[in-house]
């Protein structure tokens, strides 16, 4: 497994953590202490901010998981990939997007720029 693949797997492990305790551990494993996550709906910084952003997504979409689609594309310290938000009950997917992550020297994520391609209607 490459450094890039490992970072993407840890990223999805954080977004799909089943318990608050697992989420805290997964965020610490995936993100550097001063890591950032930014998309059109949220701008989070550090483990506490990123954990809160992921918790908010879990509350908004209970019973959904983030799923990697396609193959990540990577070079240097950058990785881009696409994802779908998928219901574990019926397989529906109300949201999709792509993210670009930057890796820190230790292989954890230092920043995420998220882009939303599909959102549920309000």
N, C-alpha and C. Protein backbone atom coordinates (compact mmCIF):
# COMPACT_ATOMS: atom_id res chain seq x y z
N UNK A 1 0.84 -1.18 0.00
CA UNK A 1 0.00 0.00 0.00
C UNK A 1 0.89 1.24 0.00
N UNK A 2 0.51 2.21 -0.81
CA UNK A 2 1.30 3.43 -0.85
C UNK A 2 0.88 4.39 0.25
N UNK A 3 1.71 5.36 0.50
CA UNK A 3 1.41 6.41 1.46
C UNK A 3 0.08 7.10 1.11
N UNK A 4 -0.14 7.33 -0.18
CA UNK A 4 -1.37 7.99 -0.62
C UNK A 4 -2.60 7.13 -0.34
N UNK A 5 -2.53 5.85 -0.68
CA UNK A 5 -3.66 4.95 -0.43
C UNK A 5 -3.96 4.84 1.05
N UNK A 6 -2.93 4.76 1.85
CA UNK A 6 -3.09 4.66 3.29
C UNK A 6 -3.80 5.90 3.83
N UNK A 7 -3.41 7.07 3.36
CA UNK A 7 -4.04 8.31 3.82
C UNK A 7 -5.53 8.34 3.46
N UNK A 8 -5.87 7.90 2.26
CA UNK A 8 -7.27 7.88 1.83
C UNK A 8 -8.06 6.89 2.69
N UNK A 9 -7.50 5.73 2.97
CA UNK A 9 -8.19 4.75 3.81
C UNK A 9 -8.43 5.29 5.22
N UNK A 10 -7.44 5.97 5.79
CA UNK A 10 -7.60 6.54 7.13
C UNK A 10 -8.63 7.67 7.11
N UNK A 11 -8.67 8.42 6.01
CA UNK A 11 -9.65 9.50 5.84
C UNK A 11 -11.08 8.94 5.88
N UNK A 12 -11.32 7.88 5.10
CA UNK A 12 -12.66 7.28 5.09
C UNK A 12 -12.97 6.59 6.41
N UNK A 13 -11.98 6.05 7.08
CA UNK A 13 -12.20 5.47 8.40
C UNK A 13 -12.70 6.54 9.38
N UNK A 14 -12.17 7.74 9.28
CA UNK A 14 -12.63 8.83 10.14
C UNK A 14 -14.07 9.20 9.81
N UNK A 15 -14.36 9.39 8.54
CA UNK A 15 -15.72 9.79 8.14
C UNK A 15 -16.75 8.70 8.44
N UNK A 16 -16.33 7.45 8.52
CA UNK A 16 -17.27 6.35 8.73
C UNK A 16 -17.17 5.74 10.13
N UNK A 17 -16.49 6.41 11.04
CA UNK A 17 -16.34 5.88 12.40
C UNK A 17 -17.71 5.66 13.04
N UNK A 18 -17.86 4.52 13.71
CA UNK A 18 -19.17 4.11 14.23
C UNK A 18 -19.51 4.71 15.59
N UNK A 19 -18.50 5.04 16.39
CA UNK A 19 -18.76 5.56 17.73
C UNK A 19 -17.97 6.85 17.92
N UNK A 20 -18.38 7.68 18.88
CA UNK A 20 -17.60 8.90 19.16
C UNK A 20 -16.14 8.60 19.52
N UNK A 21 -15.92 7.52 20.25
CA UNK A 21 -14.54 7.15 20.64
C UNK A 21 -13.73 6.75 19.41
N UNK A 22 -14.34 5.96 18.54
CA UNK A 22 -13.66 5.57 17.30
C UNK A 22 -13.37 6.78 16.43
N UNK A 23 -14.29 7.73 16.41
CA UNK A 23 -14.10 8.94 15.61
C UNK A 23 -12.90 9.75 16.09
N UNK A 24 -12.80 9.95 17.38
CA UNK A 24 -11.66 10.70 17.94
C UNK A 24 -10.35 10.04 17.55
N UNK A 25 -10.27 8.72 17.69
CA UNK A 25 -9.06 7.98 17.35
C UNK A 25 -8.77 8.06 15.85
N UNK A 26 -9.82 7.92 15.04
CA UNK A 26 -9.63 7.92 13.58
C UNK A 26 -9.21 9.30 13.08
N UNK A 27 -9.76 10.35 13.64
CA UNK A 27 -9.35 11.70 13.23
C UNK A 27 -7.88 11.93 13.59
N UNK A 28 -7.47 11.52 14.78
CA UNK A 28 -6.07 11.68 15.18
C UNK A 28 -5.14 10.87 14.29
N UNK A 29 -5.60 9.71 13.83
CA UNK A 29 -4.79 8.88 12.94
C UNK A 29 -4.71 9.47 11.53
N UNK A 30 -5.79 10.07 11.07
CA UNK A 30 -5.86 10.56 9.69
C UNK A 30 -5.30 11.96 9.51
N UNK A 31 -5.50 12.84 10.50
CA UNK A 31 -5.19 14.27 10.34
C UNK A 31 -4.06 14.71 11.27
N UNK A 32 -3.22 15.61 10.78
CA UNK A 32 -2.22 16.24 11.64
C UNK A 32 -2.95 17.10 12.67
N UNK A 33 -2.28 17.42 13.77
CA UNK A 33 -2.91 18.18 14.85
C UNK A 33 -3.51 19.50 14.37
N UNK A 34 -2.84 20.16 13.44
CA UNK A 34 -3.33 21.44 12.92
C UNK A 34 -4.00 21.29 11.56
N UNK A 35 -4.45 20.08 11.24
CA UNK A 35 -5.08 19.81 9.96
C UNK A 35 -6.34 20.64 9.75
N UNK A 36 -6.69 20.84 8.48
CA UNK A 36 -7.89 21.60 8.15
C UNK A 36 -8.77 20.82 7.19
N UNK A 37 -10.08 21.10 7.28
CA UNK A 37 -11.05 20.55 6.35
C UNK A 37 -11.95 21.70 5.91
N UNK A 38 -12.03 21.93 4.60
CA UNK A 38 -12.84 23.02 4.07
C UNK A 38 -13.65 22.52 2.89
N UNK A 39 -14.96 22.75 2.94
CA UNK A 39 -15.83 22.54 1.79
C UNK A 39 -16.84 23.69 1.77
N UNK A 40 -17.78 23.74 0.84
CA UNK A 40 -18.70 24.87 0.78
C UNK A 40 -19.57 25.05 2.04
N UNK A 41 -19.69 24.01 2.86
CA UNK A 41 -20.58 24.07 4.02
C UNK A 41 -19.86 24.21 5.36
N UNK A 42 -18.57 23.92 5.40
CA UNK A 42 -17.85 23.92 6.68
C UNK A 42 -16.39 24.29 6.49
N UNK A 43 -15.83 24.92 7.51
CA UNK A 43 -14.41 25.24 7.55
C UNK A 43 -13.92 24.85 8.94
N UNK A 44 -13.26 23.70 9.05
CA UNK A 44 -12.86 23.15 10.35
C UNK A 44 -11.34 23.11 10.47
N UNK A 45 -10.88 23.29 11.71
CA UNK A 45 -9.44 23.30 11.96
C UNK A 45 -9.14 22.46 13.21
N UNK A 46 -8.09 21.65 13.12
CA UNK A 46 -7.65 20.85 14.25
C UNK A 46 -8.54 19.64 14.48
N UNK A 47 -8.07 18.76 15.35
CA UNK A 47 -8.81 17.53 15.62
C UNK A 47 -10.21 17.80 16.16
N UNK A 48 -10.35 18.77 17.05
CA UNK A 48 -11.65 19.07 17.64
C UNK A 48 -12.61 19.59 16.57
N UNK A 49 -12.16 20.51 15.75
CA UNK A 49 -13.01 21.07 14.70
C UNK A 49 -13.40 20.04 13.65
N UNK A 50 -12.47 19.21 13.24
CA UNK A 50 -12.75 18.18 12.23
C UNK A 50 -13.69 17.13 12.81
N UNK A 51 -13.48 16.74 14.06
CA UNK A 51 -14.38 15.79 14.72
C UNK A 51 -15.79 16.36 14.78
N UNK A 52 -15.92 17.63 15.10
CA UNK A 52 -17.25 18.26 15.15
C UNK A 52 -17.91 18.28 13.78
N UNK A 53 -17.14 18.54 12.73
CA UNK A 53 -17.69 18.57 11.37
C UNK A 53 -18.20 17.18 10.96
N UNK A 54 -17.43 16.15 11.28
CA UNK A 54 -17.84 14.79 10.94
C UNK A 54 -19.06 14.38 11.77
N UNK A 55 -19.07 14.74 13.04
CA UNK A 55 -20.23 14.45 13.89
C UNK A 55 -21.49 15.11 13.32
N UNK A 56 -21.36 16.34 12.84
CA UNK A 56 -22.50 17.02 12.24
C UNK A 56 -23.02 16.30 11.01
N UNK A 57 -22.12 15.77 10.19
CA UNK A 57 -22.54 15.01 9.00
C UNK A 57 -23.26 13.73 9.42
N UNK A 58 -22.77 13.07 10.47
CA UNK A 58 -23.42 11.85 10.96
C UNK A 58 -24.82 12.16 11.47
N UNK A 59 -24.98 13.31 12.14
CA UNK A 59 -26.29 13.68 12.66
C UNK A 59 -27.25 14.03 11.53
N UNK A 60 -26.75 14.67 10.50
CA UNK A 60 -27.59 15.05 9.37
C UNK A 60 -27.96 13.84 8.51
N UNK A 61 -27.08 12.85 8.43
CA UNK A 61 -27.29 11.68 7.58
C UNK A 61 -27.08 10.38 8.36
N UNK A 62 -27.95 10.10 9.34
CA UNK A 62 -27.78 8.84 10.09
C UNK A 62 -28.01 7.65 9.16
N UNK A 63 -27.20 6.62 9.35
CA UNK A 63 -27.34 5.42 8.54
C UNK A 63 -26.71 5.53 7.16
N UNK A 64 -25.84 6.51 6.96
CA UNK A 64 -25.14 6.68 5.69
C UNK A 64 -23.65 6.52 5.91
N UNK A 65 -22.96 6.10 4.86
CA UNK A 65 -21.50 5.96 4.88
C UNK A 65 -20.90 6.65 3.67
N UNK A 66 -19.72 7.18 3.85
CA UNK A 66 -18.98 7.74 2.72
C UNK A 66 -18.24 6.60 2.03
N UNK A 67 -18.35 6.56 0.72
CA UNK A 67 -17.77 5.46 -0.06
C UNK A 67 -16.89 6.04 -1.17
N UNK A 68 -15.67 5.55 -1.25
CA UNK A 68 -14.76 5.93 -2.32
C UNK A 68 -15.31 5.45 -3.65
N UNK A 69 -15.27 6.31 -4.65
CA UNK A 69 -15.65 5.91 -6.01
C UNK A 69 -14.44 6.14 -6.90
N UNK A 70 -14.19 5.23 -7.78
CA UNK A 70 -13.03 5.37 -8.66
C UNK A 70 -11.73 5.12 -7.93
N UNK A 71 -10.66 5.51 -8.57
CA UNK A 71 -9.31 5.31 -8.05
C UNK A 71 -8.69 6.66 -7.73
N UNK A 72 -8.15 6.83 -6.52
CA UNK A 72 -7.48 8.09 -6.21
C UNK A 72 -6.33 8.38 -7.18
N UNK A 73 -6.13 9.65 -7.44
CA UNK A 73 -5.05 10.12 -8.29
C UNK A 73 -4.10 10.91 -7.40
N UNK A 74 -2.81 10.62 -7.46
CA UNK A 74 -1.88 11.22 -6.51
C UNK A 74 -0.55 11.57 -7.16
N UNK A 75 0.06 12.60 -6.64
CA UNK A 75 1.46 12.93 -6.93
C UNK A 75 1.99 13.80 -5.81
N UNK A 76 3.27 13.71 -5.59
CA UNK A 76 3.93 14.44 -4.52
C UNK A 76 3.16 14.25 -3.21
N UNK A 77 2.70 15.34 -2.60
CA UNK A 77 1.96 15.24 -1.34
C UNK A 77 0.47 15.48 -1.53
N UNK A 78 -0.03 15.33 -2.76
CA UNK A 78 -1.43 15.59 -3.08
C UNK A 78 -2.15 14.32 -3.52
N UNK A 79 -3.43 14.23 -3.12
CA UNK A 79 -4.28 13.12 -3.55
C UNK A 79 -5.67 13.70 -3.83
N UNK A 80 -6.25 13.30 -4.97
CA UNK A 80 -7.64 13.67 -5.24
C UNK A 80 -8.43 12.40 -5.48
N UNK A 81 -9.70 12.44 -5.06
CA UNK A 81 -10.56 11.27 -5.19
C UNK A 81 -12.01 11.70 -5.11
N UNK A 82 -12.88 10.82 -5.61
CA UNK A 82 -14.31 11.08 -5.58
C UNK A 82 -14.98 10.16 -4.57
N UNK A 83 -16.15 10.57 -4.12
CA UNK A 83 -16.88 9.80 -3.12
C UNK A 83 -18.39 9.97 -3.31
N UNK A 84 -19.13 9.03 -2.76
CA UNK A 84 -20.59 9.10 -2.67
C UNK A 84 -20.96 8.91 -1.21
N UNK A 85 -22.04 9.55 -0.78
CA UNK A 85 -22.64 9.31 0.52
C UNK A 85 -23.78 8.32 0.29
N UNK A 86 -23.67 7.11 0.86
CA UNK A 86 -24.56 6.00 0.51
C UNK A 86 -25.32 5.52 1.74
N UNK A 87 -26.62 5.31 1.57
CA UNK A 87 -27.47 4.77 2.62
C UNK A 87 -27.16 3.29 2.83
N UNK A 88 -26.97 2.90 4.08
CA UNK A 88 -26.75 1.48 4.38
C UNK A 88 -28.07 0.71 4.29
N UNK A 89 -29.20 1.40 4.31
CA UNK A 89 -30.50 0.74 4.27
C UNK A 89 -30.94 0.40 2.85
N UNK A 90 -30.79 1.38 1.94
CA UNK A 90 -31.35 1.16 0.59
C UNK A 90 -30.39 1.47 -0.55
N UNK A 91 -29.17 1.88 -0.24
CA UNK A 91 -28.18 2.15 -1.28
C UNK A 91 -28.34 3.48 -1.99
N UNK A 92 -29.32 4.29 -1.57
CA UNK A 92 -29.48 5.60 -2.20
C UNK A 92 -28.28 6.47 -1.88
N UNK A 93 -28.05 7.46 -2.73
CA UNK A 93 -26.88 8.32 -2.57
C UNK A 93 -27.29 9.78 -2.81
N UNK A 94 -27.63 10.50 -1.74
CA UNK A 94 -28.09 11.87 -1.90
C UNK A 94 -26.99 12.90 -2.13
N UNK A 95 -25.75 12.53 -1.87
CA UNK A 95 -24.66 13.49 -2.00
C UNK A 95 -23.43 12.81 -2.59
N UNK A 96 -22.65 13.60 -3.32
CA UNK A 96 -21.41 13.12 -3.92
C UNK A 96 -20.47 14.29 -4.08
N UNK A 97 -19.19 14.00 -4.18
CA UNK A 97 -18.24 15.08 -4.37
C UNK A 97 -16.85 14.54 -4.64
N UNK A 98 -15.90 15.47 -4.59
CA UNK A 98 -14.51 15.05 -4.67
C UNK A 98 -13.70 15.90 -3.72
N UNK A 99 -12.63 15.32 -3.22
CA UNK A 99 -11.76 15.98 -2.26
C UNK A 99 -10.33 15.94 -2.77
N UNK A 100 -9.60 16.95 -2.39
CA UNK A 100 -8.16 17.02 -2.63
C UNK A 100 -7.50 17.15 -1.27
N UNK A 101 -6.63 16.19 -0.95
CA UNK A 101 -5.94 16.24 0.33
C UNK A 101 -4.46 16.50 0.12
N UNK A 102 -3.89 17.19 1.09
CA UNK A 102 -2.46 17.44 1.13
C UNK A 102 -1.91 16.69 2.33
N UNK A 103 -0.84 15.95 2.12
CA UNK A 103 -0.25 15.16 3.19
C UNK A 103 0.88 15.91 3.87
N UNK A 104 0.95 15.75 5.18
CA UNK A 104 2.06 16.26 5.97
C UNK A 104 3.23 15.29 5.83
N UNK A 105 4.37 15.66 6.36
CA UNK A 105 5.56 14.81 6.26
C UNK A 105 5.37 13.45 6.92
N UNK A 106 4.53 13.39 7.96
CA UNK A 106 4.31 12.12 8.65
C UNK A 106 3.26 11.24 7.98
N UNK A 107 2.72 11.69 6.83
CA UNK A 107 1.74 10.90 6.09
C UNK A 107 0.30 11.17 6.47
N UNK A 108 0.10 11.95 7.55
CA UNK A 108 -1.27 12.31 7.89
C UNK A 108 -1.70 13.50 7.03
N UNK A 109 -2.96 13.77 7.04
CA UNK A 109 -3.53 14.83 6.21
C UNK A 109 -3.33 16.18 6.89
N UNK A 110 -2.77 17.13 6.14
CA UNK A 110 -2.62 18.49 6.67
C UNK A 110 -3.77 19.38 6.22
N UNK A 111 -4.36 19.08 5.05
CA UNK A 111 -5.51 19.88 4.61
C UNK A 111 -6.38 19.08 3.64
N UNK A 112 -7.66 19.43 3.65
CA UNK A 112 -8.63 18.87 2.72
C UNK A 112 -9.38 20.03 2.09
N UNK A 113 -9.47 20.02 0.77
CA UNK A 113 -10.35 20.93 0.03
C UNK A 113 -11.44 20.06 -0.57
N UNK A 114 -12.66 20.21 -0.06
CA UNK A 114 -13.77 19.39 -0.51
C UNK A 114 -14.67 20.15 -1.47
N UNK A 115 -15.16 19.43 -2.48
CA UNK A 115 -16.06 20.00 -3.47
C UNK A 115 -17.30 19.12 -3.55
N UNK A 116 -18.47 19.73 -3.54
CA UNK A 116 -19.73 18.99 -3.53
C UNK A 116 -20.34 19.02 -4.92
N UNK A 117 -20.48 17.83 -5.52
CA UNK A 117 -21.04 17.71 -6.86
C UNK A 117 -22.56 17.51 -6.84
N UNK A 118 -23.05 16.90 -5.76
CA UNK A 118 -24.49 16.63 -5.64
C UNK A 118 -24.87 16.75 -4.18
N UNK A 119 -25.94 17.50 -3.91
CA UNK A 119 -26.47 17.65 -2.56
C UNK A 119 -27.96 17.36 -2.56
N UNK A 120 -28.50 16.91 -1.43
CA UNK A 120 -29.96 16.72 -1.38
C UNK A 120 -30.67 18.08 -1.46
N UNK A 121 -31.84 18.08 -2.01
CA UNK A 121 -32.60 19.33 -2.10
C UNK A 121 -33.08 19.71 -0.72
N UNK A 122 -33.06 21.00 -0.45
CA UNK A 122 -33.46 21.50 0.87
C UNK A 122 -34.97 21.52 1.01
